[in-house]
PDB file of N, CA and C in Angstrom:
ATOM      1  N   GLY A   1     103.139 159.022 117.657  1.00  0.00           N
ATOM      2  CA  GLY A   1     102.249 158.766 118.763  1.00  0.00           C
ATOM      3  C   GLY A   1     100.961 158.490 117.889  1.00  0.00           C
ATOM      4  N   CYS A   2     101.219 158.035 116.522  1.00  0.00           N
ATOM      5  CA  CYS A   2     100.322 157.098 116.005  1.00  0.00           C
ATOM      6  C   CYS A   2      99.956 155.800 115.945  1.00  0.00           C
ATOM      7  N   ARG A   3      99.120 155.442 116.163  1.00  0.00           N
ATOM      8  CA  ARG A   3      98.753 153.734 116.430  1.00  0.00           C
ATOM      9  C   ARG A   3      97.811 153.139 115.444  1.00  0.00           C
ATOM     10  N   ASP A   4      98.044 151.935 114.962  1.00  0.00           N
ATOM     11  CA  ASP A   4      97.279 151.558 113.726  1.00  0.00           C
ATOM     12  C   ASP A   4      96.770 150.119 114.263  1.00  0.00           C
ATOM     13  N   THR A   5      96.121 149.535 114.117  1.00  0.00           N
ATOM     14  CA  THR A   5      95.760 148.156 114.463  1.00  0.00           C
ATOM     15  C   THR A   5      94.957 147.431 113.129  1.00  0.00           C
ATOM     16  N   PHE A   6      95.722 146.379 113.099  1.00  0.00           N
ATOM     17  CA  PHE A   6      95.394 145.147 111.803  1.00  0.00           C
ATOM     18  C   PHE A   6      94.778 144.202 112.212  1.00  0.00           C
ATOM     19  N   CYS A   7      94.101 143.399 112.081  1.00  0.00           N
ATOM     20  CA  CYS A   7      93.781 141.692 112.084  1.00  0.00           C
ATOM     21  C   CYS A   7      93.242 140.940 111.110  1.00  0.00           C
ATOM     22  N   GLU A   8      93.878 140.023 110.900  1.00  0.00           N
ATOM     23  CA  GLU A   8      93.813 139.087 109.811  1.00  0.00           C
ATOM     24  C   GLU A   8      93.834 137.728 110.377  1.00  0.00           C
ATOM     25  N   GLU A   9      92.692 136.603 110.077  1.00  0.00           N
ATOM     26  CA  GLU A   9      92.894 135.228 110.443  1.00  0.00           C
ATOM     27  C   GLU A   9      93.460 134.572 109.264  1.00  0.00           C
ATOM     28  N   VAL A  10      94.383 133.682 109.852  1.00  0.00           N
ATOM     29  CA  VAL A  10      95.011 132.852 108.957  1.00  0.00           C
ATOM     30  C   VAL A  10      94.457 131.598 109.382  1.00  0.00           C
ATOM     31  N   TYR A  11      94.436 130.855 108.492  1.00  0.00           N
ATOM     32  CA  TYR A  11      94.354 129.544 108.351  1.00  0.00           C
ATOM     33  C   TYR A  11      95.562 128.480 107.970  1.00  0.00           C
ATOM     34  N   LEU A  12      95.905 127.727 109.210  1.00  0.00           N
ATOM     35  CA  LEU A  12      97.013 126.678 108.629  1.00  0.00           C
ATOM     36  C   LEU A  12      96.429 125.472 108.407  1.00  0.00           C
ATOM     37  N   GLN A  13      96.969 124.895 107.081  1.00  0.00           N
ATOM     38  CA  GLN A  13      96.734 123.310 107.219  1.00  0.00           C
ATOM     39  C   GLN A  13      98.041 122.786 107.174  1.00  0.00           C
ATOM     40  N   TYR A  14      97.745 121.663 107.910  1.00  0.00           N
ATOM     41  CA  TYR A  14      99.287 120.957 108.556  1.00  0.00           C
ATOM     42  C   TYR A  14      98.797 119.370 107.666  1.00  0.00           C
ATOM     43  N   TYR A  15      99.624 119.031 106.914  1.00  0.00           N
ATOM     44  CA  TYR A  15      99.337 118.044 105.656  1.00  0.00           C
ATOM     45  C   TYR A  15     100.068 116.849 106.474  1.00  0.00           C
ATOM     46  N   GLU A  16      99.532 115.817 107.166  1.00  0.00           N
ATOM     47  CA  GLU A  16     100.380 114.664 107.080  1.00  0.00           C
ATOM     48  C   GLU A  16      99.393 113.600 106.514  1.00  0.00           C
ATOM     49  N   ASP A  17     100.245 112.324 106.318  1.00  0.00           N
ATOM     50  CA  ASP A  17      99.754 111.131 105.416  1.00  0.00           C
ATOM     51  C   ASP A  17     100.527 110.285 105.289  1.00  0.00           C
ATOM     52  N   LEU A  18      99.601 108.921 105.079  1.00  0.00           N
ATOM     53  CA  LEU A  18     100.885 107.957 105.274  1.00  0.00           C
ATOM     54  C   LEU A  18      99.925 107.038 103.946  1.00  0.00           C
ATOM     55  N   LYS A  19     100.271 106.389 102.695  1.00  0.00           N
ATOM     56  CA  LYS A  19      99.501 105.860 102.191  1.00  0.00           C
ATOM     57  C   LYS A  19     100.240 104.447 101.641  1.00  0.00           C
ATOM     58  N   LEU A  20      99.488 103.342 101.704  1.00  0.00           N
ATOM     59  CA  LEU A  20      99.980 102.097 101.586  1.00  0.00           C
ATOM     60  C   LEU A  20      99.390 101.807 100.234  1.00  0.00           C
ATOM     61  N   TYR A  21     101.032 100.861  99.737  1.00  0.00           N
ATOM     62  CA  TYR A  21     100.803 100.285  98.609  1.00  0.00           C
ATOM     63  C   TYR A  21     101.451  98.667  98.672  1.00  0.00           C
ATOM     64  N   ASN A  22     100.881  97.494  98.195  1.00  0.00           N
ATOM     65  CA  ASN A  22     101.498  96.394  98.555  1.00  0.00           C
ATOM     66  C   ASN A  22     101.760  95.202  97.337  1.00  0.00           C
ATOM     67  N   VAL A  23     101.653  95.915  96.171  1.00  0.00           N
ATOM     68  CA  VAL A  23     101.986  95.209  94.802  1.00  0.00           C
ATOM     69  C   VAL A  23     102.904  95.969  94.126  1.00  0.00           C
ATOM     70  N   TYR A  24     103.915  95.226  93.350  1.00  0.00           N
ATOM     71  CA  TYR A  24     104.672  96.191  92.896  1.00  0.00           C
ATOM     72  C   TYR A  24     105.656  95.176  91.768  1.00  0.00           C
ATOM     73  N   THR A  25     106.124  95.831  90.426  1.00  0.00           N
ATOM     74  CA  THR A  25     106.572  95.136  89.850  1.00  0.00           C
ATOM     75  C   THR A  25     107.999  95.692  89.111  1.00  0.00           C
ATOM     76  N   PRO A  26     109.075  95.479  89.770  1.00  0.00           N
ATOM     77  CA  PRO A  26     110.442  96.135  89.651  1.00  0.00           C
ATOM     78  C   PRO A  26     110.711  95.441  88.107  1.00  0.00           C
ATOM     79  N   GLU A  27     110.358  96.425  86.935  1.00  0.00           N
ATOM     80  CA  GLU A  27     110.417  95.790  85.307  1.00  0.00           C
ATOM     81  C   GLU A  27     110.897  97.032  84.841  1.00  0.00           C
ATOM     82  N   ASN A  28     111.111  98.161  85.455  1.00  0.00           N
ATOM     83  CA  ASN A  28     111.628  99.558  84.515  1.00  0.00           C
ATOM     84  C   ASN A  28     110.827  99.819  83.865  1.00  0.00           C
ATOM     85  N   ASP A  29     109.537  99.921  83.807  1.00  0.00           N
ATOM     86  CA  ASP A  29     108.298 100.182  82.875  1.00  0.00           C
ATOM     87  C   ASP A  29     108.118 101.748  83.324  1.00  0.00           C
ATOM     88  N   GLY A  30     108.165 102.022  84.237  1.00  0.00           N
ATOM     89  CA  GLY A  30     108.267 103.464  85.121  1.00  0.00           C
ATOM     90  C   GLY A  30     106.302 103.159  85.592  1.00  0.00           C
ATOM     91  N   ILE A  31     106.014 102.245  85.925  1.00  0.00           N
ATOM     92  CA  ILE A  31     104.929 102.023  86.629  1.00  0.00           C
ATOM     93  C   ILE A  31     104.862 100.867  88.037  1.00  0.00           C
ATOM     94  N   ASN A  32     105.136 101.354  89.082  1.00  0.00           N
ATOM     95  CA  ASN A  32     105.005 100.037  90.228  1.00  0.00           C
ATOM     96  C   ASN A  32     106.398  99.389  90.346  1.00  0.00           C
ATOM     97  N   ASP A  33     107.324 100.460  89.704  1.00  0.00           N
ATOM     98  CA  ASP A  33     108.841  99.835  89.712  1.00  0.00           C
ATOM     99  C   ASP A  33     109.538  99.485  91.354  1.00  0.00           C
ATOM    100  N   VAL A  34     108.861 100.425  92.469  1.00  0.00           N
ATOM    101  CA  VAL A  34     109.781 100.478  93.548  1.00  0.00           C
ATOM    102  C   VAL A  34     108.446 100.094  94.812  1.00  0.00           C
ATOM    103  N   PHE A  35     108.976  99.697  95.593  1.00  0.00           N
ATOM    104  CA  PHE A  35     107.989  99.919  96.882  1.00  0.00           C
ATOM    105  C   PHE A  35     108.356 100.504  98.055  1.00  0.00           C
ATOM    106  N   PHE A  36     107.555 101.278  98.403  1.00  0.00           N
ATOM    107  CA  PHE A  36     107.460 102.553  99.008  1.00  0.00           C
ATOM    108  C   PHE A  36     106.215 103.387  99.865  1.00  0.00           C
ATOM    109  N   PHE A  37     106.767 103.984 101.187  1.00  0.00           N
ATOM    110  CA  PHE A  37     105.342 104.474 101.453  1.00  0.00           C
ATOM    111  C   PHE A  37     105.280 106.146 101.209  1.00  0.00           C
ATOM    112  N   ASP A  38     104.456 106.293 100.681  1.00  0.00           N
ATOM    113  CA  ASP A  38     104.097 108.155 100.451  1.00  0.00           C
ATOM    114  C   ASP A  38     104.072 108.769 101.736  1.00  0.00           C
ATOM    115  N   THR A  39     104.802 109.321 102.452  1.00  0.00           N
ATOM    116  CA  THR A  39     104.728 109.517 103.565  1.00  0.00           C
ATOM    117  C   THR A  39     104.943 111.208 103.751  1.00  0.00           C
ATOM    118  N   HIS A  40     104.380 112.129 104.361  1.00  0.00           N
ATOM    119  CA  HIS A  40     104.273 113.343 104.280  1.00  0.00           C
ATOM    120  C   HIS A  40     104.499 113.601 105.796  1.00  0.00           C
ATOM    121  N   ASN A  41     105.739 114.813 106.195  1.00  0.00           N
ATOM    122  CA  ASN A  41     105.655 115.214 107.462  1.00  0.00           C
ATOM    123  C   ASN A  41     106.126 113.968 108.612  1.00  0.00           C
ATOM    124  N   THR A  42     106.878 113.338 108.264  1.00  0.00           N
ATOM    125  CA  THR A  42     107.265 111.866 109.092  1.00  0.00           C
ATOM    126  C   THR A  42     108.666 112.779 110.087  1.00  0.00           C
ATOM    127  N   SER A  43     108.707 112.219 111.567  1.00  0.00           N
ATOM    128  CA  SER A  43     109.635 112.553 112.152  1.00  0.00           C
ATOM    129  C   SER A  43     110.546 111.448 112.709  1.00  0.00           C
ATOM    130  N   LEU A  44     109.670 110.632 112.154  1.00  0.00           N
ATOM    131  CA  LEU A  44     110.374 109.205 112.821  1.00  0.00           C
ATOM    132  C   LEU A  44     109.952 108.358 111.198  1.00  0.00           C
ATOM    133  N   TYR A  45     110.980 107.122 110.898  1.00  0.00           N
ATOM    134  CA  TYR A  45     110.656 106.498 109.959  1.00  0.00           C
ATOM    135  C   TYR A  45     111.599 105.430 109.861  1.00  0.00           C
ATOM    136  N   HIS A  46     111.183 104.206 110.117  1.00  0.00           N
ATOM    137  CA  HIS A  46     112.036 103.138 110.044  1.00  0.00           C
ATOM    138  C   HIS A  46     111.167 101.539 109.347  1.00  0.00           C
ATOM    139  N   LEU A  47     111.510 101.288 108.083  1.00  0.00           N
ATOM    140  CA  LEU A  47     110.941 100.506 107.325  1.00  0.00           C
ATOM    141  C   LEU A  47     112.109  99.277 107.476  1.00  0.00           C
ATOM    142  N   ARG A  48     111.230  97.883 107.666  1.00  0.00           N
ATOM    143  CA  ARG A  48     112.464  96.457 107.524  1.00  0.00           C
ATOM    144  C   ARG A  48     111.300  95.590 106.510  1.00  0.00           C
ATOM    145  N   ILE A  49     111.812  95.127 105.740  1.00  0.00           N
ATOM    146  CA  ILE A  49     111.654  93.649 104.896  1.00  0.00           C
ATOM    147  C   ILE A  49     111.877  92.780 105.198  1.00  0.00           C
ATOM    148  N   TYR A  50     111.460  91.553 105.332  1.00  0.00           N
ATOM    149  CA  TYR A  50     111.715  90.303 105.414  1.00  0.00           C
ATOM    150  C   TYR A  50     111.418  89.184 104.066  1.00  0.00           C
ATOM    151  N   ASN A  51     111.950  88.499 104.063  1.00  0.00           N
ATOM    152  CA  ASN A  51     111.542  87.245 103.314  1.00  0.00           C
ATOM    153  C   ASN A  51     110.655  86.347 104.319  1.00  0.00           C
ATOM    154  N   ARG A  52     110.042  85.394 103.373  1.00  0.00           N
ATOM    155  CA  ARG A  52     109.398  84.273 103.843  1.00  0.00           C
ATOM    156  C   ARG A  52     109.925  83.950 104.906  1.00  0.00           C
ATOM    157  N   TRP A  53     111.376  83.357 105.363  1.00  0.00           N
ATOM    158  CA  TRP A  53     112.114  82.739 105.992  1.00  0.00           C
ATOM    159  C   TRP A  53     112.730  83.998 107.425  1.00  0.00           C
ATOM    160  N   GLY A  54     112.034  84.990 107.349  1.00  0.00           N
ATOM    161  CA  GLY A  54     112.581  85.915 108.556  1.00  0.00           C
ATOM    162  C   GLY A  54     113.902  86.580 108.165  1.00  0.00           C
ATOM    163  N   GLU A  55     114.474  86.344 106.975  1.00  0.00           N
ATOM    164  CA  GLU A  55     115.675  86.963 107.020  1.00  0.00           C
ATOM    165  C   GLU A  55     115.346  88.615 106.215  1.00  0.00           C
ATOM    166  N   LEU A  56     116.106  89.731 107.171  1.00  0.00           N
ATOM    167  CA  LEU A  56     116.111  90.747 106.745  1.00  0.00           C
ATOM    168  C   LEU A  56     116.593  91.064 105.352  1.00  0.00           C
ATOM    169  N   VAL A  57     116.013  91.450 104.259  1.00  0.00           N
ATOM    170  CA  VAL A  57     116.525  92.047 102.960  1.00  0.00           C
ATOM    171  C   VAL A  57     116.573  93.475 102.795  1.00  0.00           C
ATOM    172  N   PHE A  58     116.096  94.183 103.510  1.00  0.00           N
ATOM    173  CA  PHE A  58     115.970  95.561 103.012  1.00  0.00           C
ATOM    174  C   PHE A  58     115.677  96.588 104.497  1.00  0.00           C
ATOM    175  N   GLU A  59     116.124  97.311 104.541  1.00  0.00           N
ATOM    176  CA  GLU A  59     116.098  98.292 105.938  1.00  0.00           C
ATOM    177  C   GLU A  59     116.345  99.767 105.196  1.00  0.00           C
ATOM    178  N   THR A  60     115.473 100.421 105.783  1.00  0.00           N
ATOM    179  CA  THR A  60     115.943 102.063 105.957  1.00  0.00           C
ATOM    180  C   THR A  60     115.258 103.130 106.599  1.00  0.00           C
ATOM    181  N   LYS A  61     115.976 104.121 107.011  1.00  0.00           N
ATOM    182  CA  LYS A  61     115.287 105.016 107.958  1.00  0.00           C
ATOM    183  C   LYS A  61     115.133 106.270 107.347  1.00  0.00           C
ATOM    184  N   ASP A  62     115.171 106.319 106.141  1.00  0.00           N
ATOM    185  CA  ASP A  62     114.941 107.281 105.115  1.00  0.00           C
ATOM    186  C   ASP A  62     113.685 107.342 104.060  1.00  0.00           C
ATOM    187  N   PRO A  63     112.831 108.125 104.633  1.00  0.00           N
ATOM    188  CA  PRO A  63     111.264 108.016 103.641  1.00  0.00           C
ATOM    189  C   PRO A  63     111.485 107.998 102.280  1.00  0.00           C
ATOM    190  N   THR A  64     112.405 108.684 102.042  1.00  0.00           N
ATOM    191  CA  THR A  64     112.539 109.161 100.301  1.00  0.00           C
ATOM    192  C   THR A  64     113.389 107.661  99.691  1.00  0.00           C
ATOM    193  N   GLU A  65     113.863 106.734 100.293  1.00  0.00           N
ATOM    194  CA  GLU A  65     114.647 105.466 100.107  1.00  0.00           C
ATOM    195  C   GLU A  65     113.159 104.308  99.750  1.00  0.00           C
ATOM    196  N   SER A  66     113.357 103.873  98.303  1.00  0.00           N
ATOM    197  CA  SER A  66     112.432 103.242  98.583  1.00  0.00           C
ATOM    198  C   SER A  66     113.108 101.513  97.969  1.00  0.00           C
ATOM    199  N   TRP A  67     112.291 100.312  97.847  1.00  0.00           N
ATOM    200  CA  TRP A  67     112.935  99.126  97.647  1.00  0.00           C
ATOM    201  C   TRP A  67     112.575  98.643  96.171  1.00  0.00           C
ATOM    202  N   ALA A  68     113.850  98.336  95.624  1.00  0.00           N
ATOM    203  CA  ALA A  68     113.607  97.962  94.107  1.00  0.00           C
ATOM    204  C   ALA A  68     113.713  96.355  93.973  1.00  0.00           C
ATOM    205  N   GLY A  69     113.432  95.672  95.140  1.00  0.00           N
ATOM    206  CA  GLY A  69     113.198  94.200  95.103  1.00  0.00           C
ATOM    207  C   GLY A  69     114.546  93.543  95.138  1.00  0.00           C
ATOM    208  N   LYS A  70     115.474  94.407  95.490  1.00  0.00           N
ATOM    209  CA  LYS A  70     116.830  93.908  95.630  1.00  0.00           C
ATOM    210  C   LYS A  70     117.315  93.751  97.169  1.00  0.00           C
ATOM    211  N   ASP A  71     118.193  92.582  97.261  1.00  0.00           N
ATOM    212  CA  ASP A  71     118.509  92.310  98.772  1.00  0.00           C
ATOM    213  C   ASP A  71     119.681  93.186  99.091  1.00  0.00           C
ATOM    214  N   LYS A  72     119.393  94.219  99.810  1.00  0.00           N
ATOM    215  CA  LYS A  72     120.222  95.389 100.363  1.00  0.00           C
ATOM    216  C   LYS A  72     121.656  94.950 100.620  1.00  0.00           C
ATOM    217  N   ARG A  73     121.843  93.672 101.072  1.00  0.00           N
ATOM    218  CA  ARG A  73     123.596  93.012 101.261  1.00  0.00           C
ATOM    219  C   ARG A  73     124.248  92.988 100.084  1.00  0.00           C
ATOM    220  N   THR A  74     122.995  92.306  99.101  1.00  0.00           N
ATOM    221  CA  THR A  74     124.278  92.086  98.064  1.00  0.00           C
ATOM    222  C   THR A  74     124.129  92.740  96.572  1.00  0.00           C
ATOM    223  N   GLY A  75     122.483  93.134  96.544  1.00  0.00           N
ATOM    224  CA  GLY A  75     122.469  93.664  95.602  1.00  0.00           C
ATOM    225  C   GLY A  75     121.592  93.108  94.309  1.00  0.00           C
ATOM    226  N   GLU A  76     121.070  92.143  94.928  1.00  0.00           N
ATOM    227  CA  GLU A  76     120.915  90.988  93.786  1.00  0.00           C
ATOM    228  C   GLU A  76     119.307  90.885  93.998  1.00  0.00           C
ATOM    229  N   ASP A  77     119.099  90.871  92.645  1.00  0.00           N
ATOM    230  CA  ASP A  77     117.524  91.229  92.667  1.00  0.00           C
ATOM    231  C   ASP A  77     116.808  89.504  92.998  1.00  0.00           C
ATOM    232  N   LEU A  78     116.070  89.743  94.269  1.00  0.00           N
ATOM    233  CA  LEU A  78     115.095  88.688  94.843  1.00  0.00           C
ATOM    234  C   LEU A  78     114.235  88.156  94.413  1.00  0.00           C
ATOM    235  N   PRO A  79     113.618  86.971  94.645  1.00  0.00           N
ATOM    236  CA  PRO A  79     112.767  86.152  93.409  1.00  0.00           C
ATOM    237  C   PRO A  79     111.087  86.682  93.767  1.00  0.00           C
ATOM    238  N   ALA A  80     110.553  86.332  92.684  1.00  0.00           N
ATOM    239  CA  ALA A  80     109.150  87.000  92.745  1.00  0.00           C
ATOM    240  C   ALA A  80     108.530  86.088  94.242  1.00  0.00           C
ATOM    241  N   SER A  81     108.312  87.066  95.229  1.00  0.00           N
ATOM    242  CA  SER A  81     107.390  86.085  96.140  1.00  0.00           C
ATOM    243  C   SER A  81     106.610  87.550  97.306  1.00  0.00           C
ATOM    244  N   THR A  82     106.250  86.878  98.184  1.00  0.00           N
ATOM    245  CA  THR A  82     105.327  87.630  98.988  1.00  0.00           C
ATOM    246  C   THR A  82     106.696  87.839 100.433  1.00  0.00           C
ATOM    247  N   TYR A  83     106.561  89.313 100.699  1.00  0.00           N
ATOM    248  CA  TYR A  83     107.446  89.638 101.473  1.00  0.00           C
ATOM    249  C   TYR A  83     106.714  90.273 102.545  1.00  0.00           C
ATOM    250  N   PHE A  84     107.398  90.593 103.826  1.00  0.00           N
ATOM    251  CA  PHE A  84     106.720  90.872 105.162  1.00  0.00           C
ATOM    252  C   PHE A  84     107.585  92.286 105.185  1.00  0.00           C
ATOM    253  N   TYR A  85     106.864  93.229 105.930  1.00  0.00           N
ATOM    254  CA  TYR A  85     107.501  94.808 106.217  1.00  0.00           C
ATOM    255  C   TYR A  85     106.860  95.045 107.508  1.00  0.00           C
ATOM    256  N   ILE A  86     107.434  95.998 108.231  1.00  0.00           N
ATOM    257  CA  ILE A  86     107.317  96.538 109.415  1.00  0.00           C
ATOM    258  C   ILE A  86     107.767  97.747 109.435  1.00  0.00           C
ATOM    259  N   LEU A  87     106.587  98.628 109.569  1.00  0.00           N
ATOM    260  CA  LEU A  87     106.991 100.239 110.089  1.00  0.00           C
ATOM    261  C   LEU A  87     106.827 100.910 110.701  1.00  0.00           C
ATOM    262  N   HIS A  88     107.785 101.447 111.364  1.00  0.00           N
ATOM    263  CA  HIS A  88     107.704 102.254 112.603  1.00  0.00           C
ATOM    264  C   HIS A  88     107.589 103.868 112.088  1.00  0.00           C
ATOM    265  N   TYR A  89     106.431 104.462 112.408  1.00  0.00           N
ATOM    266  CA  TYR A  89     106.819 105.851 112.196  1.00  0.00           C
ATOM    267  C   TYR A  89     105.905 106.908 112.709  1.00  0.00           C
ATOM    268  N   SER A  90     106.157 108.220 113.001  1.00  0.00           N
ATOM    269  CA  SER A  90     105.806 109.279 113.590  1.00  0.00           C
ATOM    270  C   SER A  90     105.741 110.538 112.785  1.00  0.00           C
ATOM    271  N   PHE A  91     104.508 111.275 113.138  1.00  0.00           N
ATOM    272  CA  PHE A  91     104.251 112.709 112.318  1.00  0.00           C
ATOM    273  C   PHE A  91     104.838 113.753 113.395  1.00  0.00           C
ATOM    274  N   TYR A  92     105.137 114.773 112.795  1.00  0.00           N
ATOM    275  CA  TYR A  92     105.754 116.259 113.139  1.00  0.00           C
ATOM    276  C   TYR A  92     104.866 116.536 114.399  1.00  0.00           C
ATOM    277  N   CYS A  93     103.622 116.449 114.175  1.00  0.00           N
ATOM    278  CA  CYS A  93     102.569 117.400 114.917  1.00  0.00           C
ATOM    279  C   CYS A  93     102.511 116.801 116.134  1.00  0.00           C
ATOM    280  N   ASP A  94     102.598 115.354 116.086  1.00  0.00           N
ATOM    281  CA  ASP A  94     102.031 114.320 117.494  1.00  0.00           C
ATOM    282  C   ASP A  94     102.949 113.946 118.224  1.00  0.00           C
ATOM    283  N   ASN A  95     103.922 113.590 117.153  1.00  0.00           N
ATOM    284  CA  ASN A  95     105.257 112.301 117.690  1.00  0.00           C
ATOM    285  C   ASN A  95     104.480 111.162 118.491  1.00  0.00           C
ATOM    286  N   GLN A  96     103.210 111.081 117.857  1.00  0.00           N
ATOM    287  CA  GLN A  96     103.036 109.738 118.897  1.00  0.00           C
ATOM    288  C   GLN A  96     103.527 108.437 117.881  1.00  0.00           C
ATOM    289  N   LYS A  97     103.807 107.503 118.284  1.00  0.00           N
ATOM    290  CA  LYS A  97     104.573 106.348 117.464  1.00  0.00           C
ATOM    291  C   LYS A  97     103.596 105.674 116.802  1.00  0.00           C
ATOM    292  N   TYR A  98     103.831 105.240 115.560  1.00  0.00           N
ATOM    293  CA  TYR A  98     102.830 104.316 115.004  1.00  0.00           C
ATOM    294  C   TYR A  98     103.156 103.038 114.420  1.00  0.00           C
ATOM    295  N   LEU A  99     102.915 102.173 114.426  1.00  0.00           N
ATOM    296  CA  LEU A  99     103.414 100.604 113.685  1.00  0.00           C
ATOM    297  C   LEU A  99     102.410  99.949 112.596  1.00  0.00           C
ATOM    298  N   VAL A 100     102.650  99.736 111.619  1.00  0.00           N
ATOM    299  CA  VAL A 100     102.281  98.953 110.610  1.00  0.00           C
ATOM    300  C   VAL A 100     103.173  97.874 109.940  1.00  0.00           C
ATOM    301  N   GLU A 101     102.211  96.824 109.887  1.00  0.00           N
ATOM    302  CA  GLU A 101     102.680  95.419 109.605  1.00  0.00           C
ATOM    303  C   GLU A 101     101.998  95.207 108.202  1.00  0.00           C
ATOM    304  N   GLY A 102     102.698  94.445 107.677  1.00  0.00           N
ATOM    305  CA  GLY A 102     101.885  93.881 106.485  1.00  0.00           C
ATOM    306  C   GLY A 102     102.574  93.058 105.390  1.00  0.00           C
ATOM    307  N   THR A 103     101.833  92.777 104.361  1.00  0.00           N
ATOM    308  CA  THR A 103     102.826  92.244 103.025  1.00  0.00           C
ATOM    309  C   THR A 103     102.902  93.016 101.843  1.00  0.00           C
ATOM    310  N   VAL A 104     103.748  92.421 101.328  1.00  0.00           N
ATOM    311  CA  VAL A 104     103.745  93.357  99.910  1.00  0.00           C
ATOM    312  C   VAL A 104     104.082  92.010  99.264  1.00  0.00           C
ATOM    313  N   GLU A 105     103.602  92.345  97.812  1.00  0.00           N
ATOM    314  CA  GLU A 105     104.086  91.025  96.701  1.00  0.00           C
ATOM    315  C   GLU A 105     104.990  91.932  95.747  1.00  0.00           C
ATOM    316  N   LEU A 106     105.728  91.094  95.654  1.00  0.00           N
ATOM    317  CA  LEU A 106     107.046  91.182  94.375  1.00  0.00           C
ATOM    318  C   LEU A 106     106.373  90.400  93.255  1.00  0.00           C
ATOM    319  N   ILE A 107     106.284  91.194  92.271  1.00  0.00           N
ATOM    320  CA  ILE A 107     105.995  90.307  91.238  1.00  0.00           C
ATOM    321  C   ILE A 107     107.002  90.739  90.161  1.00  0.00           C
ATOM    322  N   ARG A 108     107.677  89.589  89.362  1.00  0.00           N
ATOM    323  CA  ARG A 108     108.668  89.760  88.336  1.00  0.00           C
ATOM    324  C   ARG A 108     107.838  89.264  86.936  1.00  0.00           C
TER     325      ARG A 108
END
């Protein structure tokens, strides 16, 4: 028959973020070797990269997979150039769909 009441305020911090980088140099020096989006808490992720002729050279739905400047079909190194990306994503907390389009410069 004994009762006890305890109240404690709890603060939750939900971290979601998308950081964009647009230049990289895949020379295996450990600095800017791959192109990726630094994402946290994404429920949807679809990245496509195209060359200047509109040919798809890379595609992934895995936010941990990065692009190392290779053609995903052949595995061959792609030339230094400007490439175009389209990223569709959403975060777990709101499931609103976002679209980011831009260019990335591959420097060799």
